[in-house]
C-alpha atoms as a PDB file:
ATOM      1  CA  MET A   1      14.667 -14.165  -6.351  1.00  0.00           C
ATOM      2  CA  GLN A   2      18.255 -15.388  -6.157  1.00  0.00           C
ATOM      3  CA  ILE A   3      19.469 -12.578  -8.390  1.00  0.00           C
ATOM      4  CA  TYR A   4      17.647  -9.861  -6.397  1.00  0.00           C
ATOM      5  CA  PRO A   5      17.200 -11.174  -2.841  1.00  0.00           C
ATOM      6  CA  ASP A   6      16.001  -7.779  -1.541  1.00  0.00           C
ATOM      7  CA  ALA A   7      13.417  -7.343  -4.314  1.00  0.00           C
ATOM      8  CA  ILE A   8       9.929  -6.217  -3.360  1.00  0.00           C
ATOM      9  CA  PHE A   9       6.943  -7.378  -5.403  1.00  0.00           C
ATOM     10  CA  LEU A  10       4.365  -4.618  -5.912  1.00  0.00           C
ATOM     11  CA  ALA A  11       0.819  -5.724  -6.691  1.00  0.00           C
ATOM     12  CA  ASP A  12      -2.771  -5.294  -5.586  1.00  0.00           C
ATOM     13  CA  ASP A  13      -3.974  -8.495  -7.253  1.00  0.00           C
ATOM     14  CA  ALA A  14      -4.560 -11.094  -4.522  1.00  0.00           C
ATOM     15  CA  ALA A  15      -3.547 -14.105  -6.631  1.00  0.00           C
ATOM     16  CA  ALA A  16      -0.331 -12.430  -7.776  1.00  0.00           C
ATOM     17  CA  ARG A  17       0.510 -11.448  -4.200  1.00  0.00           C
ATOM     18  CA  LEU A  18      -0.062 -14.996  -2.955  1.00  0.00           C
ATOM     19  CA  ALA A  19       2.139 -16.437  -5.702  1.00  0.00           C
ATOM     20  CA  ALA A  20       4.906 -13.935  -4.917  1.00  0.00           C
ATOM     21  CA  VAL A  21       4.807 -14.691  -1.191  1.00  0.00           C
ATOM     22  CA  THR A  22       4.894 -18.411  -1.944  1.00  0.00           C
ATOM     23  CA  VAL A  23       8.216 -18.055  -3.755  1.00  0.00           C
ATOM     24  CA  GLY A  24       9.649 -15.797  -1.063  1.00  0.00           C
ATOM     25  CA  TYR A  25       9.128 -12.227  -2.203  1.00  0.00           C
ATOM     26  CA  GLN A  26       8.295  -9.402   0.159  1.00  0.00           C
ATOM     27  CA  VAL A  27       4.970  -8.051  -1.147  1.00  0.00           C
ATOM     28  CA  HIS A  28       3.384  -4.597  -0.927  1.00  0.00           C
ATOM     29  CA  GLY A  29       0.243  -3.171  -2.466  1.00  0.00           C
ATOM     30  CA  SER A  30      -0.800   0.400  -3.160  1.00  0.00           C
ATOM     31  CA  ILE A  31      -1.702   1.139   0.460  1.00  0.00           C
ATOM     32  CA  GLY A  32       1.569  -0.320   1.701  1.00  0.00           C
ATOM     33  CA  ILE A  33       3.538   1.778  -0.762  1.00  0.00           C
ATOM     34  CA  LEU A  34       1.804   4.936   0.445  1.00  0.00           C
ATOM     35  CA  ILE A  35       2.439   4.110   4.099  1.00  0.00           C
ATOM     36  CA  ARG A  36       6.063   3.326   3.277  1.00  0.00           C
ATOM     37  CA  ALA A  37       6.324   6.760   1.605  1.00  0.00           C
ATOM     38  CA  ILE A  38       5.325   8.388   4.910  1.00  0.00           C
ATOM     39  CA  ARG A  39       7.843   6.339   6.889  1.00  0.00           C
ATOM     40  CA  GLN A  40      10.632   7.196   4.459  1.00  0.00           C
ATOM     41  CA  ARG A  41       9.621  10.861   4.476  1.00  0.00           C
ATOM     42  CA  GLN A  42       8.889  10.865   0.753  1.00  0.00           C
ATOM     43  CA  LYS A  43       5.305  12.004   1.346  1.00  0.00           C
ATOM     44  CA  SER A  44       3.639  13.733   4.274  1.00  0.00           C
ATOM     45  CA  LYS A  45       0.693  12.217   6.118  1.00  0.00           C
ATOM     46  CA  GLU A  46      -1.493  14.922   4.641  1.00  0.00           C
ATOM     47  CA  GLU A  47      -0.395  14.069   1.097  1.00  0.00           C
ATOM     48  CA  VAL A  48      -1.054  10.365   1.599  1.00  0.00           C
ATOM     49  CA  VAL A  49      -4.452  10.961   3.190  1.00  0.00           C
ATOM     50  CA  ALA A  50      -5.390  13.174   0.236  1.00  0.00           C
ATOM     51  CA  ILE A  51      -4.340  10.400  -2.173  1.00  0.00           C
ATOM     52  CA  LEU A  52      -6.309   7.814  -0.191  1.00  0.00           C
ATOM     53  CA  HIS A  53      -9.439   9.972  -0.358  1.00  0.00           C
ATOM     54  CA  THR A  54      -9.199   9.958  -4.170  1.00  0.00           C
ATOM     55  CA  LEU A  55      -8.814   6.182  -4.545  1.00  0.00           C
ATOM     56  CA  PRO A  56     -12.531   5.335  -4.835  1.00  0.00           C
ATOM     57  CA  THR A  57     -13.060   7.726  -7.750  1.00  0.00           C
ATOM     58  CA  HIS A  58      -9.642   7.912  -9.420  1.00  0.00           C
ATOM     59  CA  SER A  59      -8.321   4.363  -9.214  1.00  0.00           C
ATOM     60  CA  THR A  60      -9.212   0.817 -10.194  1.00  0.00           C
ATOM     61  CA  LEU A  61      -8.150  -0.389  -6.744  1.00  0.00           C
ATOM     62  CA  HIS A  62     -11.114  -2.007  -5.025  1.00  0.00           C
ATOM     63  CA  ILE A  63     -11.133  -1.389  -1.280  1.00  0.00           C
ATOM     64  CA  ARG A  64     -14.032  -1.550   1.145  1.00  0.00           C
ATOM     65  CA  PRO A  65     -15.067   1.954   2.229  1.00  0.00           C
ATOM     66  CA  GLY A  66     -14.891   0.957   5.905  1.00  0.00           C
ATOM     67  CA  LEU A  67     -11.343  -0.354   5.531  1.00  0.00           C
ATOM     68  CA  LEU A  68     -10.276   2.794   3.708  1.00  0.00           C
ATOM     69  CA  LYS A  69     -11.733   4.937   6.521  1.00  0.00           C
ATOM     70  CA  GLU A  70      -9.874   2.832   9.091  1.00  0.00           C
ATOM     71  CA  ILE A  71      -6.567   3.212   7.237  1.00  0.00           C
ATOM     72  CA  ILE A  72      -7.030   6.974   6.961  1.00  0.00           C
ATOM     73  CA  ALA A  73      -7.893   7.235  10.672  1.00  0.00           C
ATOM     74  CA  ARG A  74      -4.800   5.233  11.649  1.00  0.00           C
ATOM     75  CA  ILE A  75      -2.552   7.444   9.539  1.00  0.00           C
ATOM     76  CA  GLU A  76      -4.086  10.610  10.977  1.00  0.00           C
ATOM     77  CA  ASP A  77      -3.753   9.279  14.550  1.00  0.00           C
ATOM     78  CA  GLU A  78      -0.058   8.379  14.243  1.00  0.00           C
ATOM     79  CA  SER A  79       2.210  11.011  15.724  1.00  0.00           C
END
């Protein structure tokens, strides 16, 4: 942390995320990385929504279907 004060810890594992936050890291998971890609114009909303739709069948990330639908709706509603 002292060597890389601006480091971001990337993980979807809840225990790993909690440990990282405890020692002061900024933490992002898969969804956060995708949203960040939109904000930094690395991916379009359409590209990210397409990726999100594939998560349940092409990823080991476990996310409640209702939460995934909510995330997709929020991305699609943002102007």
